[in-house]
PDB file of N, CA and C in Angstrom:
ATOM      1  N   UNK A   1      17.263   2.974  -6.398  1.00  0.00           N
ATOM      2  CA  UNK A   1      16.757   2.269  -5.241  1.00  0.00           C
ATOM      3  C   UNK A   1      16.201   3.278  -4.239  1.00  0.00           C
ATOM      4  N   UNK A   2      15.055   2.948  -3.671  1.00  0.00           N
ATOM      5  CA  UNK A   2      14.438   3.836  -2.699  1.00  0.00           C
ATOM      6  C   UNK A   2      15.152   3.755  -1.362  1.00  0.00           C
ATOM      7  N   UNK A   3      15.317   4.912  -0.744  1.00  0.00           N
ATOM      8  CA  UNK A   3      15.924   4.977   0.582  1.00  0.00           C
ATOM      9  C   UNK A   3      14.866   4.694   1.643  1.00  0.00           C
ATOM     10  N   UNK A   4      15.302   4.139   2.764  1.00  0.00           N
ATOM     11  CA  UNK A   4      14.375   3.933   3.875  1.00  0.00           C
ATOM     12  C   UNK A   4      15.126   4.036   5.194  1.00  0.00           C
ATOM     13  N   UNK A   5      14.363   4.273   6.230  1.00  0.00           N
ATOM     14  CA  UNK A   5      14.888   4.380   7.576  1.00  0.00           C
ATOM     15  C   UNK A   5      15.150   2.964   8.088  1.00  0.00           C
ATOM     16  N   UNK A   6      16.391   2.665   8.457  1.00  0.00           N
ATOM     17  CA  UNK A   6      16.755   1.323   8.926  1.00  0.00           C
ATOM     18  C   UNK A   6      15.924   0.858  10.112  1.00  0.00           C
ATOM     19  N   UNK A   7      15.448   1.787  10.922  1.00  0.00           N
ATOM     20  CA  UNK A   7      14.635   1.419  12.080  1.00  0.00           C
ATOM     21  C   UNK A   7      13.291   0.845  11.654  1.00  0.00           C
ATOM     22  N   UNK A   8      12.877   1.104  10.428  1.00  0.00           N
ATOM     23  CA  UNK A   8      11.587   0.625   9.924  1.00  0.00           C
ATOM     24  C   UNK A   8      11.622  -0.832   9.504  1.00  0.00           C
ATOM     25  N   UNK A   9      12.792  -1.355   9.232  1.00  0.00           N
ATOM     26  CA  UNK A   9      12.908  -2.692   8.661  1.00  0.00           C
ATOM     27  C   UNK A   9      12.309  -3.768   9.576  1.00  0.00           C
ATOM     28  N   UNK A  10      12.652  -3.761  10.824  1.00  0.00           N
ATOM     29  CA  UNK A  10      12.139  -4.774  11.758  1.00  0.00           C
ATOM     30  C   UNK A  10      10.625  -4.625  11.937  1.00  0.00           C
ATOM     31  N   UNK A  11      10.170  -3.380  12.039  1.00  0.00           N
ATOM     32  CA  UNK A  11       8.730  -3.150  12.195  1.00  0.00           C
ATOM     33  C   UNK A  11       7.966  -3.624  10.959  1.00  0.00           C
ATOM     34  N   UNK A  12       8.526  -3.423   9.769  1.00  0.00           N
ATOM     35  CA  UNK A  12       7.842  -3.876   8.550  1.00  0.00           C
ATOM     36  C   UNK A  12       7.708  -5.400   8.547  1.00  0.00           C
ATOM     37  N   UNK A  13       8.701  -6.104   9.080  1.00  0.00           N
ATOM     38  CA  UNK A  13       8.604  -7.564   9.189  1.00  0.00           C
ATOM     39  C   UNK A  13       7.456  -7.959  10.107  1.00  0.00           C
ATOM     40  N   UNK A  14       7.321  -7.245  11.219  1.00  0.00           N
ATOM     41  CA  UNK A  14       6.215  -7.519  12.145  1.00  0.00           C
ATOM     42  C   UNK A  14       4.871  -7.292  11.466  1.00  0.00           C
ATOM     43  N   UNK A  15       4.774  -6.214  10.690  1.00  0.00           N
ATOM     44  CA  UNK A  15       3.525  -5.920   9.987  1.00  0.00           C
ATOM     45  C   UNK A  15       3.198  -7.004   8.961  1.00  0.00           C
ATOM     46  N   UNK A  16       4.207  -7.515   8.263  1.00  0.00           N
ATOM     47  CA  UNK A  16       3.973  -8.591   7.293  1.00  0.00           C
ATOM     48  C   UNK A  16       3.439  -9.849   7.975  1.00  0.00           C
ATOM     49  N   UNK A  17       3.900 -10.088   9.188  1.00  0.00           N
ATOM     50  CA  UNK A  17       3.453 -11.266   9.927  1.00  0.00           C
ATOM     51  C   UNK A  17       2.097 -11.079  10.592  1.00  0.00           C
ATOM     52  N   UNK A  18       1.600  -9.855  10.625  1.00  0.00           N
ATOM     53  CA  UNK A  18       0.326  -9.549  11.289  1.00  0.00           C
ATOM     54  C   UNK A  18      -0.580  -8.719  10.392  1.00  0.00           C
ATOM     55  N   UNK A  19      -0.739  -9.148   9.156  1.00  0.00           N
ATOM     56  CA  UNK A  19      -1.553  -8.396   8.207  1.00  0.00           C
ATOM     57  C   UNK A  19      -3.021  -8.411   8.619  1.00  0.00           C
ATOM     58  N   UNK A  20      -3.728  -7.335   8.275  1.00  0.00           N
ATOM     59  CA  UNK A  20      -5.169  -7.287   8.519  1.00  0.00           C
ATOM     60  C   UNK A  20      -5.872  -8.215   7.541  1.00  0.00           C
ATOM     61  N   UNK A  21      -7.127  -8.508   7.809  1.00  0.00           N
ATOM     62  CA  UNK A  21      -7.892  -9.368   6.901  1.00  0.00           C
ATOM     63  C   UNK A  21      -7.990  -8.745   5.506  1.00  0.00           C
ATOM     64  N   UNK A  22      -8.183  -7.430   5.451  1.00  0.00           N
ATOM     65  CA  UNK A  22      -8.272  -6.753   4.152  1.00  0.00           C
ATOM     66  C   UNK A  22      -6.943  -6.859   3.397  1.00  0.00           C
ATOM     67  N   UNK A  23      -5.838  -6.667   4.100  1.00  0.00           N
ATOM     68  CA  UNK A  23      -4.526  -6.787   3.462  1.00  0.00           C
ATOM     69  C   UNK A  23      -4.300  -8.201   2.937  1.00  0.00           C
ATOM     70  N   UNK A  24      -4.690  -9.186   3.705  1.00  0.00           N
ATOM     71  CA  UNK A  24      -4.542 -10.582   3.273  1.00  0.00           C
ATOM     72  C   UNK A  24      -5.344 -10.852   2.004  1.00  0.00           C
ATOM     73  N   UNK A  25      -6.578 -10.353   1.961  1.00  0.00           N
ATOM     74  CA  UNK A  25      -7.422 -10.572   0.781  1.00  0.00           C
ATOM     75  C   UNK A  25      -6.804  -9.955  -0.465  1.00  0.00           C
ATOM     76  N   UNK A  26      -6.336  -8.710  -0.352  1.00  0.00           N
ATOM     77  CA  UNK A  26      -5.742  -8.052  -1.506  1.00  0.00           C
ATOM     78  C   UNK A  26      -4.438  -8.737  -1.892  1.00  0.00           C
ATOM     79  N   UNK A  27      -3.627  -9.100  -0.925  1.00  0.00           N
ATOM     80  CA  UNK A  27      -2.343  -9.746  -1.192  1.00  0.00           C
ATOM     81  C   UNK A  27      -2.534 -11.031  -2.000  1.00  0.00           C
ATOM     82  N   UNK A  28      -3.564 -11.784  -1.705  1.00  0.00           N
ATOM     83  CA  UNK A  28      -3.819 -13.019  -2.458  1.00  0.00           C
ATOM     84  C   UNK A  28      -4.066 -12.749  -3.937  1.00  0.00           C
ATOM     85  N   UNK A  29      -4.518 -11.541  -4.265  1.00  0.00           N
ATOM     86  CA  UNK A  29      -4.838 -11.189  -5.659  1.00  0.00           C
ATOM     87  C   UNK A  29      -3.693 -10.505  -6.403  1.00  0.00           C
ATOM     88  N   UNK A  30      -2.722  -9.953  -5.671  1.00  0.00           N
ATOM     89  CA  UNK A  30      -1.661  -9.201  -6.361  1.00  0.00           C
ATOM     90  C   UNK A  30      -0.287  -9.845  -6.226  1.00  0.00           C
ATOM     91  N   UNK A  31      -0.139 -10.805  -5.357  1.00  0.00           N
ATOM     92  CA  UNK A  31       1.176 -11.432  -5.153  1.00  0.00           C
ATOM     93  C   UNK A  31       1.548 -12.309  -6.339  1.00  0.00           C
ATOM     94  N   UNK A  32       2.810 -12.623  -6.446  1.00  0.00           N
ATOM     95  CA  UNK A  32       3.268 -13.545  -7.481  1.00  0.00           C
ATOM     96  C   UNK A  32       3.074 -13.055  -8.904  1.00  0.00           C
ATOM     97  N   UNK A  33       3.166 -11.753  -9.087  1.00  0.00           N
ATOM     98  CA  UNK A  33       3.079 -11.145 -10.436  1.00  0.00           C
ATOM     99  C   UNK A  33       1.775 -11.495 -11.157  1.00  0.00           C
ATOM    100  N   UNK A  34       0.665 -11.548 -10.417  1.00  0.00           N
ATOM    101  CA  UNK A  34      -0.629 -11.881 -11.012  1.00  0.00           C
ATOM    102  C   UNK A  34      -1.209 -10.764 -11.874  1.00  0.00           C
ATOM    103  N   UNK A  35      -0.832  -9.528 -11.619  1.00  0.00           N
ATOM    104  CA  UNK A  35      -1.369  -8.395 -12.382  1.00  0.00           C
ATOM    105  C   UNK A  35      -0.358  -7.936 -13.412  1.00  0.00           C
ATOM    106  N   UNK A  36      -0.582  -8.272 -14.641  1.00  0.00           N
ATOM    107  CA  UNK A  36       0.267  -7.852 -15.765  1.00  0.00           C
ATOM    108  C   UNK A  36       1.735  -8.224 -15.583  1.00  0.00           C
ATOM    109  N   UNK A  37       2.032  -9.177 -14.729  1.00  0.00           N
ATOM    110  CA  UNK A  37       3.410  -9.572 -14.484  1.00  0.00           C
ATOM    111  C   UNK A  37       4.174  -8.615 -13.583  1.00  0.00           C
ATOM    112  N   UNK A  38       3.486  -7.708 -12.918  1.00  0.00           N
ATOM    113  CA  UNK A  38       4.123  -6.730 -12.049  1.00  0.00           C
ATOM    114  C   UNK A  38       4.324  -7.317 -10.655  1.00  0.00           C
ATOM    115  N   UNK A  39       5.498  -7.095 -10.099  1.00  0.00           N
ATOM    116  CA  UNK A  39       5.827  -7.549  -8.749  1.00  0.00           C
ATOM    117  C   UNK A  39       5.346  -6.542  -7.720  1.00  0.00           C
ATOM    118  N   UNK A  40       4.704  -7.028  -6.672  1.00  0.00           N
ATOM    119  CA  UNK A  40       4.297  -6.192  -5.543  1.00  0.00           C
ATOM    120  C   UNK A  40       5.016  -6.666  -4.294  1.00  0.00           C
ATOM    121  N   UNK A  41       5.297  -5.725  -3.409  1.00  0.00           N
ATOM    122  CA  UNK A  41       5.873  -6.016  -2.104  1.00  0.00           C
ATOM    123  C   UNK A  41       4.899  -5.520  -1.052  1.00  0.00           C
ATOM    124  N   UNK A  42       4.855  -6.206   0.072  1.00  0.00           N
ATOM    125  CA  UNK A  42       3.949  -5.784   1.140  1.00  0.00           C
ATOM    126  C   UNK A  42       4.733  -5.222   2.307  1.00  0.00           C
ATOM    127  N   UNK A  43       4.127  -4.240   2.966  1.00  0.00           N
ATOM    128  CA  UNK A  43       4.731  -3.585   4.128  1.00  0.00           C
ATOM    129  C   UNK A  43       6.167  -3.161   3.823  1.00  0.00           C
ATOM    130  N   UNK A  44       6.293  -2.354   2.794  1.00  0.00           N
ATOM    131  CA  UNK A  44       7.600  -1.928   2.271  1.00  0.00           C
ATOM    132  C   UNK A  44       8.027  -0.598   2.894  1.00  0.00           C
ATOM    133  N   UNK A  45       9.199  -0.552   3.527  1.00  0.00           N
ATOM    134  CA  UNK A  45       9.701   0.727   4.028  1.00  0.00           C
ATOM    135  C   UNK A  45      10.122   1.634   2.862  1.00  0.00           C
ATOM    136  N   UNK A  46       9.635   2.857   2.886  1.00  0.00           N
ATOM    137  CA  UNK A  46      10.012   3.883   1.912  1.00  0.00           C
ATOM    138  C   UNK A  46      10.187   5.175   2.690  1.00  0.00           C
ATOM    139  N   UNK A  47      11.395   5.710   2.694  1.00  0.00           N
ATOM    140  CA  UNK A  47      11.673   6.899   3.499  1.00  0.00           C
ATOM    141  C   UNK A  47      11.438   6.576   4.965  1.00  0.00           C
ATOM    142  N   UNK A  48      10.677   7.428   5.639  1.00  0.00           N
ATOM    143  CA  UNK A  48      10.338   7.197   7.049  1.00  0.00           C
ATOM    144  C   UNK A  48       8.989   6.516   7.202  1.00  0.00           C
ATOM    145  N   UNK A  49       8.454   5.986   6.122  1.00  0.00           N
ATOM    146  CA  UNK A  49       7.131   5.378   6.133  1.00  0.00           C
ATOM    147  C   UNK A  49       7.209   3.891   5.789  1.00  0.00           C
ATOM    148  N   UNK A  50       6.153   3.185   6.129  1.00  0.00           N
ATOM    149  CA  UNK A  50       5.985   1.808   5.671  1.00  0.00           C
ATOM    150  C   UNK A  50       4.659   1.784   4.927  1.00  0.00           C
ATOM    151  N   UNK A  51       4.717   1.470   3.637  1.00  0.00           N
ATOM    152  CA  UNK A  51       3.497   1.446   2.832  1.00  0.00           C
ATOM    153  C   UNK A  51       2.935   0.026   2.819  1.00  0.00           C
ATOM    154  N   UNK A  52       1.626  -0.076   2.650  1.00  0.00           N
ATOM    155  CA  UNK A  52       0.991  -1.402   2.663  1.00  0.00           C
ATOM    156  C   UNK A  52       1.491  -2.266   1.509  1.00  0.00           C
ATOM    157  N   UNK A  53       1.445  -1.716   0.279  1.00  0.00           N
ATOM    158  CA  UNK A  53       1.894  -2.452  -0.896  1.00  0.00           C
ATOM    159  C   UNK A  53       2.645  -1.506  -1.823  1.00  0.00           C
ATOM    160  N   UNK A  54       3.674  -2.040  -2.463  1.00  0.00           N
ATOM    161  CA  UNK A  54       4.503  -1.227  -3.356  1.00  0.00           C
ATOM    162  C   UNK A  54       4.821  -2.027  -4.607  1.00  0.00           C
ATOM    163  N   UNK A  55       4.653  -1.383  -5.764  1.00  0.00           N
ATOM    164  CA  UNK A  55       4.989  -1.976  -7.056  1.00  0.00           C
ATOM    165  C   UNK A  55       6.039  -1.092  -7.717  1.00  0.00           C
ATOM    166  N   UNK A  56       7.310  -1.521  -7.697  1.00  0.00           N
ATOM    167  CA  UNK A  56       8.369  -0.667  -8.251  1.00  0.00           C
ATOM    168  C   UNK A  56       8.226  -0.413  -9.743  1.00  0.00           C
ATOM    169  N   UNK A  57       7.884  -1.423 -10.523  1.00  0.00           N
ATOM    170  CA  UNK A  57       7.769  -1.252 -11.973  1.00  0.00           C
ATOM    171  C   UNK A  57       6.649  -0.277 -12.332  1.00  0.00           C
ATOM    172  N   UNK A  58       5.599  -0.263 -11.547  1.00  0.00           N
ATOM    173  CA  UNK A  58       4.468   0.640 -11.793  1.00  0.00           C
ATOM    174  C   UNK A  58       4.554   1.955 -11.048  1.00  0.00           C
ATOM    175  N   UNK A  59       5.639   2.151 -10.256  1.00  0.00           N
ATOM    176  CA  UNK A  59       5.762   3.356  -9.416  1.00  0.00           C
ATOM    177  C   UNK A  59       4.476   3.603  -8.633  1.00  0.00           C
ATOM    178  N   UNK A  60       3.972   2.541  -8.027  1.00  0.00           N
ATOM    179  CA  UNK A  60       2.656   2.585  -7.407  1.00  0.00           C
ATOM    180  C   UNK A  60       2.711   2.120  -5.959  1.00  0.00           C
ATOM    181  N   UNK A  61       2.049   2.876  -5.103  1.00  0.00           N
ATOM    182  CA  UNK A  61       1.854   2.528  -3.698  1.00  0.00           C
ATOM    183  C   UNK A  61       0.361   2.321  -3.498  1.00  0.00           C
ATOM    184  N   UNK A  62       0.007   1.258  -2.793  1.00  0.00           N
ATOM    185  CA  UNK A  62      -1.389   1.003  -2.461  1.00  0.00           C
ATOM    186  C   UNK A  62      -1.519   1.017  -0.955  1.00  0.00           C
ATOM    187  N   UNK A  63      -2.442   1.819  -0.472  1.00  0.00           N
ATOM    188  CA  UNK A  63      -2.706   1.925   0.955  1.00  0.00           C
ATOM    189  C   UNK A  63      -4.135   1.490   1.236  1.00  0.00           C
ATOM    190  N   UNK A  64      -4.298   0.678   2.267  1.00  0.00           N
ATOM    191  CA  UNK A  64      -5.624   0.269   2.732  1.00  0.00           C
ATOM    192  C   UNK A  64      -5.906   0.995   4.033  1.00  0.00           C
ATOM    193  N   UNK A  65      -7.060   1.611   4.095  1.00  0.00           N
ATOM    194  CA  UNK A  65      -7.396   2.447   5.239  1.00  0.00           C
ATOM    195  C   UNK A  65      -8.510   1.829   6.061  1.00  0.00           C
ATOM    196  N   UNK A  66      -8.203   1.559   7.338  1.00  0.00           N
ATOM    197  CA  UNK A  66      -9.221   1.129   8.293  1.00  0.00           C
ATOM    198  C   UNK A  66      -9.879   2.350   8.907  1.00  0.00           C
ATOM    199  N   UNK A  67     -10.746   2.139   9.854  1.00  0.00           N
ATOM    200  CA  UNK A  67     -11.516   3.225  10.465  1.00  0.00           C
ATOM    201  C   UNK A  67     -10.687   4.325  11.081  1.00  0.00           C
ATOM    202  N   UNK A  68      -9.524   3.995  11.661  1.00  0.00           N
ATOM    203  CA  UNK A  68      -8.702   5.008  12.330  1.00  0.00           C
ATOM    204  C   UNK A  68      -8.181   6.055  11.359  1.00  0.00           C
ATOM    205  N   UNK A  69      -8.138   5.746  10.081  1.00  0.00           N
ATOM    206  CA  UNK A  69      -7.598   6.674   9.085  1.00  0.00           C
ATOM    207  C   UNK A  69      -8.564   7.799   8.747  1.00  0.00           C
ATOM    208  N   UNK A  70      -9.784   7.737   9.235  1.00  0.00           N
ATOM    209  CA  UNK A  70     -10.765   8.745   8.874  1.00  0.00           C
ATOM    210  C   UNK A  70     -10.878   9.846   9.922  1.00  0.00           C
ATOM    211  N   UNK A  71     -10.064   9.783  10.976  1.00  0.00           N
ATOM    212  CA  UNK A  71     -10.010  10.875  11.942  1.00  0.00           C
ATOM    213  C   UNK A  71      -9.262  12.034  11.294  1.00  0.00           C
ATOM    214  N   UNK A  72      -9.392  13.205  11.869  1.00  0.00           N
ATOM    215  CA  UNK A  72      -8.701  14.375  11.321  1.00  0.00           C
ATOM    216  C   UNK A  72      -7.190  14.169  11.375  1.00  0.00           C
ATOM    217  N   UNK A  73      -6.699  13.619  12.474  1.00  0.00           N
ATOM    218  CA  UNK A  73      -5.263  13.354  12.614  1.00  0.00           C
ATOM    219  C   UNK A  73      -4.803  12.325  11.568  1.00  0.00           C
ATOM    220  N   UNK A  74      -5.597  11.294  11.343  1.00  0.00           N
ATOM    221  CA  UNK A  74      -5.257  10.282  10.349  1.00  0.00           C
ATOM    222  C   UNK A  74      -5.194  10.861   8.947  1.00  0.00           C
ATOM    223  N   UNK A  75      -6.135  11.741   8.635  1.00  0.00           N
ATOM    224  CA  UNK A  75      -6.151  12.374   7.316  1.00  0.00           C
ATOM    225  C   UNK A  75      -4.913  13.242   7.096  1.00  0.00           C
ATOM    226  N   UNK A  76      -4.495  13.963   8.126  1.00  0.00           N
ATOM    227  CA  UNK A  76      -3.308  14.817   8.023  1.00  0.00           C
ATOM    228  C   UNK A  76      -2.064  13.959   7.787  1.00  0.00           C
ATOM    229  N   UNK A  77      -1.929  12.878   8.558  1.00  0.00           N
ATOM    230  CA  UNK A  77      -0.779  11.984   8.387  1.00  0.00           C
ATOM    231  C   UNK A  77      -0.763  11.355   6.996  1.00  0.00           C
ATOM    232  N   UNK A  78      -1.951  10.916   6.527  1.00  0.00           N
ATOM    233  CA  UNK A  78      -2.026  10.309   5.201  1.00  0.00           C
ATOM    234  C   UNK A  78      -1.666  11.315   4.115  1.00  0.00           C
ATOM    235  N   UNK A  79      -2.114  12.548   4.261  1.00  0.00           N
ATOM    236  CA  UNK A  79      -1.805  13.591   3.290  1.00  0.00           C
ATOM    237  C   UNK A  79      -0.297  13.842   3.245  1.00  0.00           C
ATOM    238  N   UNK A  80       0.341  13.886   4.403  1.00  0.00           N
ATOM    239  CA  UNK A  80       1.795  14.080   4.489  1.00  0.00           C
ATOM    240  C   UNK A  80       2.514  12.918   3.799  1.00  0.00           C
ATOM    241  N   UNK A  81       2.086  11.700   4.073  1.00  0.00           N
ATOM    242  CA  UNK A  81       2.692  10.508   3.472  1.00  0.00           C
ATOM    243  C   UNK A  81       2.516  10.543   1.956  1.00  0.00           C
ATOM    244  N   UNK A  82       1.301  10.850   1.503  1.00  0.00           N
ATOM    245  CA  UNK A  82       1.029  10.878   0.059  1.00  0.00           C
ATOM    246  C   UNK A  82       1.893  11.920  -0.647  1.00  0.00           C
ATOM    247  N   UNK A  83       2.030  13.082  -0.045  1.00  0.00           N
ATOM    248  CA  UNK A  83       2.862  14.129  -0.651  1.00  0.00           C
ATOM    249  C   UNK A  83       4.314  13.669  -0.761  1.00  0.00           C
ATOM    250  N   UNK A  84       4.814  12.980   0.259  1.00  0.00           N
ATOM    251  CA  UNK A  84       6.181  12.467   0.192  1.00  0.00           C
ATOM    252  C   UNK A  84       6.309  11.458  -0.948  1.00  0.00           C
ATOM    253  N   UNK A  85       5.371  10.541  -1.047  1.00  0.00           N
ATOM    254  CA  UNK A  85       5.431   9.516  -2.098  1.00  0.00           C
ATOM    255  C   UNK A  85       5.397  10.165  -3.479  1.00  0.00           C
ATOM    256  N   UNK A  86       4.532  11.142  -3.650  1.00  0.00           N
ATOM    257  CA  UNK A  86       4.433  11.834  -4.934  1.00  0.00           C
ATOM    258  C   UNK A  86       5.720  12.607  -5.242  1.00  0.00           C
ATOM    259  N   UNK A  87       6.366  13.145  -4.208  1.00  0.00           N
ATOM    260  CA  UNK A  87       7.595  13.919  -4.421  1.00  0.00           C
ATOM    261  C   UNK A  87       8.746  13.049  -4.917  1.00  0.00           C
ATOM    262  N   UNK A  88       8.672  11.744  -4.692  1.00  0.00           N
ATOM    263  CA  UNK A  88       9.721  10.844  -5.179  1.00  0.00           C
ATOM    264  C   UNK A  88       9.234  10.030  -6.387  1.00  0.00           C
ATOM    265  N   UNK A  89       8.132  10.499  -6.994  1.00  0.00           N
ATOM    266  CA  UNK A  89       7.683   9.919  -8.248  1.00  0.00           C
ATOM    267  C   UNK A  89       6.755   8.722  -8.145  1.00  0.00           C
ATOM    268  N   UNK A  90       6.153   8.521  -6.986  1.00  0.00           N
ATOM    269  CA  UNK A  90       5.234   7.392  -6.818  1.00  0.00           C
ATOM    270  C   UNK A  90       3.785   7.871  -6.820  1.00  0.00           C
ATOM    271  N   UNK A  91       2.923   7.072  -7.399  1.00  0.00           N
ATOM    272  CA  UNK A  91       1.480   7.332  -7.344  1.00  0.00           C
ATOM    273  C   UNK A  91       0.910   6.541  -6.177  1.00  0.00           C
ATOM    274  N   UNK A  92      -0.095   7.101  -5.536  1.00  0.00           N
ATOM    275  CA  UNK A  92      -0.707   6.450  -4.377  1.00  0.00           C
ATOM    276  C   UNK A  92      -2.174   6.179  -4.662  1.00  0.00           C
ATOM    277  N   UNK A  93      -2.565   4.930  -4.489  1.00  0.00           N
ATOM    278  CA  UNK A  93      -3.978   4.547  -4.539  1.00  0.00           C
ATOM    279  C   UNK A  93      -4.412   4.184  -3.130  1.00  0.00           C
ATOM    280  N   UNK A  94      -5.531   4.729  -2.696  1.00  0.00           N
ATOM    281  CA  UNK A  94      -6.064   4.423  -1.368  1.00  0.00           C
ATOM    282  C   UNK A  94      -7.422   3.745  -1.509  1.00  0.00           C
ATOM    283  N   UNK A  95      -7.579   2.703  -0.722  1.00  0.00           N
ATOM    284  CA  UNK A  95      -8.856   1.999  -0.663  1.00  0.00           C
ATOM    285  C   UNK A  95      -9.215   1.791   0.798  1.00  0.00           C
ATOM    286  N   UNK A  96     -10.499   1.786   1.082  1.00  0.00           N
ATOM    287  CA  UNK A  96     -10.924   1.468   2.441  1.00  0.00           C
ATOM    288  C   UNK A  96     -10.971  -0.052   2.596  1.00  0.00           C
ATOM    289  N   UNK A  97     -10.898  -0.502   3.830  1.00  0.00           N
ATOM    290  CA  UNK A  97     -11.066  -1.931   4.085  1.00  0.00           C
ATOM    291  C   UNK A  97     -12.417  -2.399   3.535  1.00  0.00           C
ATOM    292  N   UNK A  98     -13.408  -1.554   3.672  1.00  0.00           N
ATOM    293  CA  UNK A  98     -14.751  -1.894   3.174  1.00  0.00           C
ATOM    294  C   UNK A  98     -14.727  -2.135   1.661  1.00  0.00           C
ATOM    295  N   UNK A  99     -13.949  -1.319   0.917  1.00  0.00           N
ATOM    296  CA  UNK A  99     -13.806  -1.541  -0.536  1.00  0.00           C
ATOM    297  C   UNK A  99     -13.304  -2.952  -0.813  1.00  0.00           C
ATOM    298  N   UNK A 100     -12.328  -3.385  -0.031  1.00  0.00           N
ATOM    299  CA  UNK A 100     -11.741  -4.719  -0.229  1.00  0.00           C
ATOM    300  C   UNK A 100     -12.783  -5.795   0.045  1.00  0.00           C
ATOM    301  N   UNK A 101     -13.504  -5.660   1.144  1.00  0.00           N
ATOM    302  CA  UNK A 101     -14.477  -6.685   1.528  1.00  0.00           C
ATOM    303  C   UNK A 101     -15.700  -6.722   0.613  1.00  0.00           C
ATOM    304  N   UNK A 102     -16.124  -5.559   0.114  1.00  0.00           N
ATOM    305  CA  UNK A 102     -17.378  -5.488  -0.641  1.00  0.00           C
ATOM    306  C   UNK A 102     -17.198  -5.411  -2.147  1.00  0.00           C
ATOM    307  N   UNK A 103     -16.007  -5.004  -2.619  1.00  0.00           N
ATOM    308  CA  UNK A 103     -15.823  -4.816  -4.055  1.00  0.00           C
ATOM    309  C   UNK A 103     -14.380  -5.113  -4.469  1.00  0.00           C
ATOM    310  N   UNK A 104     -13.886  -6.263  -4.098  1.00  0.00           N
ATOM    311  CA  UNK A 104     -12.498  -6.614  -4.400  1.00  0.00           C
ATOM    312  C   UNK A 104     -12.238  -6.611  -5.902  1.00  0.00           C
ATOM    313  N   UNK A 105     -13.192  -7.072  -6.666  1.00  0.00           N
ATOM    314  CA  UNK A 105     -13.022  -7.085  -8.126  1.00  0.00           C
ATOM    315  C   UNK A 105     -12.825  -5.657  -8.657  1.00  0.00           C
ATOM    316  N   UNK A 106     -13.612  -4.714  -8.179  1.00  0.00           N
ATOM    317  CA  UNK A 106     -13.467  -3.326  -8.596  1.00  0.00           C
ATOM    318  C   UNK A 106     -12.133  -2.735  -8.187  1.00  0.00           C
ATOM    319  N   UNK A 107     -11.651  -3.093  -7.001  1.00  0.00           N
ATOM    320  CA  UNK A 107     -10.345  -2.629  -6.533  1.00  0.00           C
ATOM    321  C   UNK A 107      -9.248  -3.153  -7.459  1.00  0.00           C
ATOM    322  N   UNK A 108      -9.317  -4.435  -7.801  1.00  0.00           N
ATOM    323  CA  UNK A 108      -8.305  -5.030  -8.679  1.00  0.00           C
ATOM    324  C   UNK A 108      -8.351  -4.355 -10.054  1.00  0.00           C
ATOM    325  N   UNK A 109      -9.537  -4.082 -10.566  1.00  0.00           N
ATOM    326  CA  UNK A 109      -9.659  -3.408 -11.864  1.00  0.00           C
ATOM    327  C   UNK A 109      -9.037  -2.013 -11.818  1.00  0.00           C
ATOM    328  N   UNK A 110      -9.228  -1.308 -10.721  1.00  0.00           N
ATOM    329  CA  UNK A 110      -8.642   0.040 -10.610  1.00  0.00           C
ATOM    330  C   UNK A 110      -7.116  -0.060 -10.562  1.00  0.00           C
ATOM    331  N   UNK A 111      -6.582  -0.989  -9.775  1.00  0.00           N
ATOM    332  CA  UNK A 111      -5.130  -1.165  -9.718  1.00  0.00           C
ATOM    333  C   UNK A 111      -4.606  -1.519 -11.116  1.00  0.00           C
ATOM    334  N   UNK A 112      -5.279  -2.434 -11.795  1.00  0.00           N
ATOM    335  CA  UNK A 112      -4.907  -2.861 -13.151  1.00  0.00           C
ATOM    336  C   UNK A 112      -4.797  -1.637 -14.065  1.00  0.00           C
ATOM    337  N   UNK A 113      -5.751  -0.724 -13.951  1.00  0.00           N
ATOM    338  CA  UNK A 113      -5.759   0.461 -14.830  1.00  0.00           C
ATOM    339  C   UNK A 113      -4.587   1.397 -14.563  1.00  0.00           C
ATOM    340  N   UNK A 114      -3.983   1.326 -13.398  1.00  0.00           N
ATOM    341  CA  UNK A 114      -2.845   2.185 -13.055  1.00  0.00           C
ATOM    342  C   UNK A 114      -1.503   1.575 -13.428  1.00  0.00           C
ATOM    343  N   UNK A 115      -1.525   0.303 -13.829  1.00  0.00           N
ATOM    344  CA  UNK A 115      -0.259  -0.363 -14.188  1.00  0.00           C
ATOM    345  C   UNK A 115       0.053  -0.226 -15.665  1.00  0.00           C
TER     346      UNK A 115
END
C-alpha cells in the first residue's frame, strides 16, 4: 500500500469535487475499469503529492498539465514529483490540457499502450 501524508486527504477530496474540464473529460473515459479492466483513482494522495489519476494495477500515474505547469518553477516541481513517483516504482504519463481537448482518442491510446 502506498503511503501518503494525512494532511493531503481532505485537499484531495476538494480537488475531486472541483475537477478541471480536461480532468472531467479524461475521467469519463477511464473510470469504471473501461481500459482493459484496470481501476483508476482520481486526485490520489501519494507521499506528499496528490496525483491527478492513479492506476495501481498498472503502476501508472497520469498528470494533466495546464498553462501554469510550463513555467520554470512548474517544471522543477513536476520533475521532483516525477522522480519521487519513479523511485517508488510508478510510471508517469503527462498530457497537456490541450492534448485532452484536441486529441482525446490519442491520449487514451497512449494510456492503453502503457497498461
